[in-house]
Amino acid sequence: DQVKILDFQENWLKKNFYLIANKTNVLSSQA
């Protein structure tokens, strides 16, 4: 309650998250 959270007006200020793997790797069954 001691801070305030403000949005940015720049709509490009975002962070994209990805699940990645090596293209040559064959994933295990658990992966």
All heavy atoms as atom14 arrays in JSON, in Angstrom:
{
  "sequence": "DQVKILDFQENWLKKNFYLIANKTNVLSSQA",
  "atom14_mask": [
    [1, 1, 1, 1, 1, 1, 1, 1, 0, 0, 0, 0, 0, 0],
    [1, 1, 1, 1, 1, 1, 1, 1, 1, 0, 0, 0, 0, 0],
    [1, 1, 1, 1, 1, 1, 1, 0, 0, 0, 0, 0, 0, 0],
    [1, 1, 1, 1, 1, 1, 1, 1, 1, 0, 0, 0, 0, 0],
    [1, 1, 1, 1, 1, 1, 1, 1, 0, 0, 0, 0, 0, 0],
    [1, 1, 1, 1, 1, 1, 1, 1, 0, 0, 0, 0, 0, 0],
    [1, 1, 1, 1, 1, 1, 1, 1, 0, 0, 0, 0, 0, 0],
    [1, 1, 1, 1, 1, 1, 1, 1, 1, 1, 1, 0, 0, 0],
    [1, 1, 1, 1, 1, 1, 1, 1, 1, 0, 0, 0, 0, 0],
    [1, 1, 1, 1, 1, 1, 1, 1, 1, 0, 0, 0, 0, 0],
    [1, 1, 1, 1, 1, 1, 1, 1, 0, 0, 0, 0, 0, 0],
    [1, 1, 1, 1, 1, 1, 1, 1, 1, 1, 1, 1, 1, 1],
    [1, 1, 1, 1, 1, 1, 1, 1, 0, 0, 0, 0, 0, 0],
    [1, 1, 1, 1, 1, 1, 1, 1, 1, 0, 0, 0, 0, 0],
    [1, 1, 1, 1, 1, 1, 1, 1, 1, 0, 0, 0, 0, 0],
    [1, 1, 1, 1, 1, 1, 1, 1, 0, 0, 0, 0, 0, 0],
    [1, 1, 1, 1, 1, 1, 1, 1, 1, 1, 1, 0, 0, 0],
    [1, 1, 1, 1, 1, 1, 1, 1, 1, 1, 1, 1, 0, 0],
    [1, 1, 1, 1, 1, 1, 1, 1, 0, 0, 0, 0, 0, 0],
    [1, 1, 1, 1, 1, 1, 1, 1, 0, 0, 0, 0, 0, 0],
    [1, 1, 1, 1, 1, 0, 0, 0, 0, 0, 0, 0, 0, 0],
    [1, 1, 1, 1, 1, 1, 1, 1, 0, 0, 0, 0, 0, 0],
    [1, 1, 1, 1, 1, 1, 1, 1, 1, 0, 0, 0, 0, 0],
    [1, 1, 1, 1, 1, 1, 1, 0, 0, 0, 0, 0, 0, 0],
    [1, 1, 1, 1, 1, 1, 1, 1, 0, 0, 0, 0, 0, 0],
    [1, 1, 1, 1, 1, 1, 1, 0, 0, 0, 0, 0, 0, 0],
    [1, 1, 1, 1, 1, 1, 1, 1, 0, 0, 0, 0, 0, 0],
    [1, 1, 1, 1, 1, 1, 0, 0, 0, 0, 0, 0, 0, 0],
    [1, 1, 1, 1, 1, 1, 0, 0, 0, 0, 0, 0, 0, 0],
    [1, 1, 1, 1, 1, 1, 1, 1, 1, 0, 0, 0, 0, 0],
    [1, 1, 1, 1, 1, 0, 0, 0, 0, 0, 0, 0, 0, 0]
  ],
  "atom14_positions": [
    [[0.82, -1.21, 0.0], [0.0, 0.0, 0.0], [0.86, 1.26, 0.0], [0.34, 2.38, 0.08], [-0.95, 0.01, 1.2], [-0.23, -0.1, 2.54], [1.03, -0.1, 2.55], [-0.91, -0.2, 3.57], [0.0, 0.0, 0.0], [0.0, 0.0, 0.0], [0.0, 0.0, 0.0], [0.0, 0.0, 0.0], [0.0, 0.0, 0.0], [0.0, 0.0, 0.0]],
    [[2.17, 1.09, -0.1], [3.09, 2.23, -0.11], [3.56, 2.61, -1.51], [4.3, 3.57, -1.67], [4.31, 1.93, 0.77], [3.97, 1.73, 2.24], [5.21, 1.39, 3.06], [5.63, 0.23, 3.14], [5.79, 2.4, 3.65], [0.0, 0.0, 0.0], [0.0, 0.0, 0.0], [0.0, 0.0, 0.0], [0.0, 0.0, 0.0], [0.0, 0.0, 0.0]],
    [[3.12, 1.84, -2.52], [3.51, 2.15, -3.89], [2.28, 2.21, -4.79], [1.21, 1.69, -4.45], [4.51, 1.12, -4.45], [5.77, 1.06, -3.61], [3.86, -0.26, -4.57], [0.0, 0.0, 0.0], [0.0, 0.0, 0.0], [0.0, 0.0, 0.0], [0.0, 0.0, 0.0], [0.0, 0.0, 0.0], [0.0, 0.0, 0.0], [0.0, 0.0, 0.0]],
    [[2.48, 2.82, -5.95], [1.45, 2.83, -6.99], [2.07, 2.28, -8.27], [3.22, 2.59, -8.59], [0.92, 4.24, -7.22], [-0.22, 4.29, -8.24], [-0.82, 5.69, -8.36], [-1.96, 5.7, -9.38], [-2.57, 7.05, -9.51], [0.0, 0.0, 0.0], [0.0, 0.0, 0.0], [0.0, 0.0, 0.0], [0.0, 0.0, 0.0], [0.0, 0.0, 0.0]],
    [[1.29, 1.49, -8.98], [1.76, 0.89, -10.23], [1.15, 1.65, -11.4], [-0.08, 1.79, -11.48], [1.37, -0.61, -10.3], [1.77, -1.34, -9.01], [2.0, -1.24, -11.52], [3.24, -1.29, -8.7], [0.0, 0.0, 0.0], [0.0, 0.0, 0.0], [0.0, 0.0, 0.0], [0.0, 0.0, 0.0], [0.0, 0.0, 0.0], [0.0, 0.0, 0.0]],
    [[2.0, 2.14, -12.28], [1.56, 2.94, -13.43], [1.86, 2.21, -14.74], [2.95, 1.66, -14.91], [2.26, 4.3, -13.43], [2.08, 5.16, -12.18], [2.97, 6.4, -12.26], [0.62, 5.57, -12.01], [0.0, 0.0, 0.0], [0.0, 0.0, 0.0], [0.0, 0.0, 0.0], [0.0, 0.0, 0.0], [0.0, 0.0, 0.0], [0.0, 0.0, 0.0]],
    [[0.9, 2.23, -15.65], [1.12, 1.67, -16.98], [1.9, 2.65, -17.84], [1.85, 3.88, -17.63], [-0.22, 1.37, -17.66], [-0.99, 0.26, -16.97], [-0.34, -0.7, -16.52], [-2.22, 0.38, -16.86], [0.0, 0.0, 0.0], [0.0, 0.0, 0.0], [0.0, 0.0, 0.0], [0.0, 0.0, 0.0], [0.0, 0.0, 0.0], [0.0, 0.0, 0.0]],
    [[2.63, 2.12, -18.82], [3.31, 2.97, -19.79], [2.38, 3.27, -20.96], [1.61, 2.41, -21.39], [4.59, 2.28, -20.31], [5.76, 2.39, -19.39], [6.15, 1.31, -18.61], [6.47, 3.58, -19.29], [7.23, 1.4, -17.75], [7.55, 3.68, -18.43], [7.94, 2.59, -17.65], [0.0, 0.0, 0.0], [0.0, 0.0, 0.0], [0.0, 0.0, 0.0]],
    [[2.48, 4.49, -21.47], [1.66, 4.88, -22.61], [2.19, 4.29, -23.91], [1.45, 4.12, -24.87], [1.61, 6.41, -22.7], [0.89, 7.05, -21.52], [1.08, 8.55, -21.45], [1.55, 9.18, -22.41], [0.74, 9.14, -20.32], [0.0, 0.0, 0.0], [0.0, 0.0, 0.0], [0.0, 0.0, 0.0], [0.0, 0.0, 0.0], [0.0, 0.0, 0.0]],
    [[3.49, 3.96, -23.93], [4.07, 3.33, -25.11], [3.6, 1.87, -25.19], [3.97, 1.05, -24.36], [5.61, 3.37, -25.05], [6.2, 4.76, -25.23], [6.28, 5.55, -23.93], [5.75, 5.08, -22.9], [6.87, 6.63, -23.93], [0.0, 0.0, 0.0], [0.0, 0.0, 0.0], [0.0, 0.0, 0.0], [0.0, 0.0, 0.0], [0.0, 0.0, 0.0]],
    [[2.77, 1.58, -26.18], [2.18, 0.22, -26.25], [3.17, -0.85, -26.66], [2.85, -2.03, -26.65], [0.97, 0.21, -27.18], [1.29, 0.66, -28.6], [2.47, 0.73, -28.97], [0.27, 0.96, -29.38], [0.0, 0.0, 0.0], [0.0, 0.0, 0.0], [0.0, 0.0, 0.0], [0.0, 0.0, 0.0], [0.0, 0.0, 0.0], [0.0, 0.0, 0.0]],
    [[4.4, -0.46, -27.05], [5.41, -1.46, -27.42], [6.25, -1.89, -26.22], [7.09, -2.78, -26.35], [6.32, -0.91, -28.52], [6.92, 0.44, -28.2], [6.42, 1.65, -28.53], [8.14, 0.68, -27.49], [7.24, 2.65, -28.07], [8.31, 2.08, -27.43], [9.1, -0.13, -26.91], [9.4, 2.68, -26.8], [10.19, 0.46, -26.28], [10.32, 1.86, -26.23]],
    [[6.02, -1.29, -25.08], [6.77, -1.66, -23.89], [6.2, -2.94, -23.3], [5.51, -2.94, -22.28], [6.76, -0.53, -22.86], [7.82, 0.54, -23.07], [7.62, 1.71, -22.11], [9.22, -0.04, -22.85], [0.0, 0.0, 0.0], [0.0, 0.0, 0.0], [0.0, 0.0, 0.0], [0.0, 0.0, 0.0], [0.0, 0.0, 0.0], [0.0, 0.0, 0.0]],
    [[6.46, -4.03, -23.99], [5.96, -5.33, -23.6], [7.09, -6.34, -23.68], [8.1, -6.1, -24.32], [4.8, -5.77, -24.51], [3.59, -4.84, -24.49], [2.55, -5.31, -25.48], [1.37, -4.34, -25.54], [0.61, -4.33, -24.29], [0.0, 0.0, 0.0], [0.0, 0.0, 0.0], [0.0, 0.0, 0.0], [0.0, 0.0, 0.0], [0.0, 0.0, 0.0]],
    [[6.88, -7.47, -23.05], [7.88, -8.52, -23.06], [7.2, -9.83, -23.48], [6.24, -10.27, -22.84], [8.5, -8.67, -21.67], [9.75, -9.53, -21.6], [10.38, -9.41, -20.22], [11.71, -10.11, -20.14], [12.35, -9.95, -18.8], [0.0, 0.0, 0.0], [0.0, 0.0, 0.0], [0.0, 0.0, 0.0], [0.0, 0.0, 0.0], [0.0, 0.0, 0.0]],
    [[7.69, -10.42, -24.57], [7.14, -11.68, -25.06], [7.94, -12.85, -24.5], [9.17, -12.82, -24.5], [7.2, -11.72, -26.59], [6.26, -10.71, -27.22], [5.08, -10.69, -26.92], [6.8, -9.86, -28.08], [0.0, 0.0, 0.0], [0.0, 0.0, 0.0], [0.0, 0.0, 0.0], [0.0, 0.0, 0.0], [0.0, 0.0, 0.0], [0.0, 0.0, 0.0]],
    [[7.25, -13.86, -24.04], [7.9, -15.04, -23.48], [7.65, -16.24, -24.39], [6.53, -16.44, -24.89], [7.38, -15.34, -22.08], [7.8, -14.32, -21.06], [6.99, -13.23, -20.78], [9.0, -14.44, -20.38], [7.38, -12.28, -19.86], [9.39, -13.5, -19.45], [8.59, -12.41, -19.18], [0.0, 0.0, 0.0], [0.0, 0.0, 0.0], [0.0, 0.0, 0.0]],
    [[8.7, -17.05, -24.58], [8.64, -18.18, -25.49], [9.17, -19.45, -24.83], [10.09, -19.39, -23.99], [9.48, -17.92, -26.74], [9.08, -16.69, -27.52], [9.61, -15.44, -27.19], [8.19, -16.77, -28.59], [9.26, -14.3, -27.91], [7.84, -15.64, -29.32], [8.37, -14.41, -28.97], [8.02, -13.29, -29.69], [0.0, 0.0, 0.0], [0.0, 0.0, 0.0]],
    [[8.6, -20.55, -25.22], [9.15, -21.86, -24.87], [10.03, -22.28, -26.04], [9.56, -22.36, -27.18], [8.03, -22.88, -24.66], [8.45, -24.29, -24.25], [9.1, -24.29, -22.88], [7.24, -25.23, -24.27], [0.0, 0.0, 0.0], [0.0, 0.0, 0.0], [0.0, 0.0, 0.0], [0.0, 0.0, 0.0], [0.0, 0.0, 0.0], [0.0, 0.0, 0.0]],
    [[11.32, -22.51, -25.78], [12.25, -22.76, -26.89], [12.97, -24.1, -26.73], [13.07, -24.65, -25.64], [13.29, -21.63, -27.02], [14.23, -21.6, -25.8], [12.61, -20.28, -27.2], [15.41, -20.66, -25.96], [0.0, 0.0, 0.0], [0.0, 0.0, 0.0], [0.0, 0.0, 0.0], [0.0, 0.0, 0.0], [0.0, 0.0, 0.0], [0.0, 0.0, 0.0]],
    [[13.49, -24.57, -27.86], [14.3, -25.79, -27.91], [15.22, -25.7, -29.11], [14.99, -24.89, -30.01], [13.41, -27.03, -28.01], [0.0, 0.0, 0.0], [0.0, 0.0, 0.0], [0.0, 0.0, 0.0], [0.0, 0.0, 0.0], [0.0, 0.0, 0.0], [0.0, 0.0, 0.0], [0.0, 0.0, 0.0], [0.0, 0.0, 0.0], [0.0, 0.0, 0.0]],
    [[16.25, -26.51, -29.12], [17.14, -26.57, -30.27], [16.43, -27.29, -31.42], [15.82, -28.34, -31.22], [18.43, -27.31, -29.9], [19.49, -27.2, -30.98], [19.29, -27.64, -32.11], [20.61, -26.62, -30.64], [0.0, 0.0, 0.0], [0.0, 0.0, 0.0], [0.0, 0.0, 0.0], [0.0, 0.0, 0.0], [0.0, 0.0, 0.0], [0.0, 0.0, 0.0]],
    [[16.52, -26.72, -32.62], [15.81, -27.3, -33.76], [16.29, -28.69, -34.12], [15.54, -29.49, -34.68], [15.95, -26.38, -34.98], [14.95, -25.24, -35.01], [14.95, -24.54, -36.35], [13.8, -23.55, -36.43], [13.74, -22.85, -37.73], [0.0, 0.0, 0.0], [0.0, 0.0, 0.0], [0.0, 0.0, 0.0], [0.0, 0.0, 0.0], [0.0, 0.0, 0.0]],
    [[17.54, -29.0, -33.8], [18.08, -30.3, -34.17], [17.86, -31.36, -33.1], [18.12, -32.54, -33.33], [19.6, -30.21, -34.44], [20.28, -29.88, -33.22], [19.89, -29.14, -35.48], [0.0, 0.0, 0.0], [0.0, 0.0, 0.0], [0.0, 0.0, 0.0], [0.0, 0.0, 0.0], [0.0, 0.0, 0.0], [0.0, 0.0, 0.0], [0.0, 0.0, 0.0]],
    [[17.38, -30.93, -31.94], [17.26, -31.87, -30.83], [15.94, -32.63, -30.9], [14.9, -32.06, -31.21], [17.34, -31.11, -29.5], [17.53, -32.05, -28.32], [18.01, -33.16, -28.47], [17.14, -31.6, -27.15], [0.0, 0.0, 0.0], [0.0, 0.0, 0.0], [0.0, 0.0, 0.0], [0.0, 0.0, 0.0], [0.0, 0.0, 0.0], [0.0, 0.0, 0.0]],
    [[16.0, -33.91, -30.61], [14.79, -34.73, -30.5], [14.42, -34.78, -29.03], [15.16, -35.3, -28.2], [15.03, -36.15, -31.04], [13.76, -36.98, -30.91], [15.49, -36.09, -32.48], [0.0, 0.0, 0.0], [0.0, 0.0, 0.0], [0.0, 0.0, 0.0], [0.0, 0.0, 0.0], [0.0, 0.0, 0.0], [0.0, 0.0, 0.0], [0.0, 0.0, 0.0]],
    [[13.28, -34.21, -28.69], [12.89, -34.1, -27.29], [12.56, -35.45, -26.68], [12.0, -36.34, -27.33], [11.69, -33.17, -27.16], [11.89, -31.71, -27.58], [10.61, -30.92, -27.38], [13.04, -31.07, -26.83], [0.0, 0.0, 0.0], [0.0, 0.0, 0.0], [0.0, 0.0, 0.0], [0.0, 0.0, 0.0], [0.0, 0.0, 0.0], [0.0, 0.0, 0.0]],
    [[12.9, -35.6, -25.41], [12.54, -36.81, -24.67], [11.03, -36.84, -24.46], [10.34, -35.83, -24.64], [13.26, -36.82, -23.32], [12.82, -35.74, -22.52], [0.0, 0.0, 0.0], [0.0, 0.0, 0.0], [0.0, 0.0, 0.0], [0.0, 0.0, 0.0], [0.0, 0.0, 0.0], [0.0, 0.0, 0.0], [0.0, 0.0, 0.0], [0.0, 0.0, 0.0]],
    [[10.52, -37.98, -24.05], [9.07, -38.11, -23.85], [8.6, -37.17, -22.75], [7.52, -36.57, -22.86], [8.72, -39.56, -23.5], [9.44, -39.99, -22.36], [0.0, 0.0, 0.0], [0.0, 0.0, 0.0], [0.0, 0.0, 0.0], [0.0, 0.0, 0.0], [0.0, 0.0, 0.0], [0.0, 0.0, 0.0], [0.0, 0.0, 0.0], [0.0, 0.0, 0.0]],
    [[9.39, -36.99, -21.68], [8.97, -36.11, -20.6], [9.0, -34.64, -21.03], [8.14, -33.84, -20.61], [9.81, -36.31, -19.34], [11.31, -36.17, -19.51], [11.98, -37.51, -19.75], [11.38, -38.41, -20.34], [13.22, -37.65, -19.33], [0.0, 0.0, 0.0], [0.0, 0.0, 0.0], [0.0, 0.0, 0.0], [0.0, 0.0, 0.0], [0.0, 0.0, 0.0]],
    [[9.95, -34.27, -21.9], [9.99, -32.9, -22.42], [8.8, -32.63, -23.32], [8.21, -31.54, -23.29], [11.3, -32.66, -23.17], [0.0, 0.0, 0.0], [0.0, 0.0, 0.0], [0.0, 0.0, 0.0], [0.0, 0.0, 0.0], [0.0, 0.0, 0.0], [0.0, 0.0, 0.0], [0.0, 0.0, 0.0], [0.0, 0.0, 0.0], [0.0, 0.0, 0.0]]
  ]
}
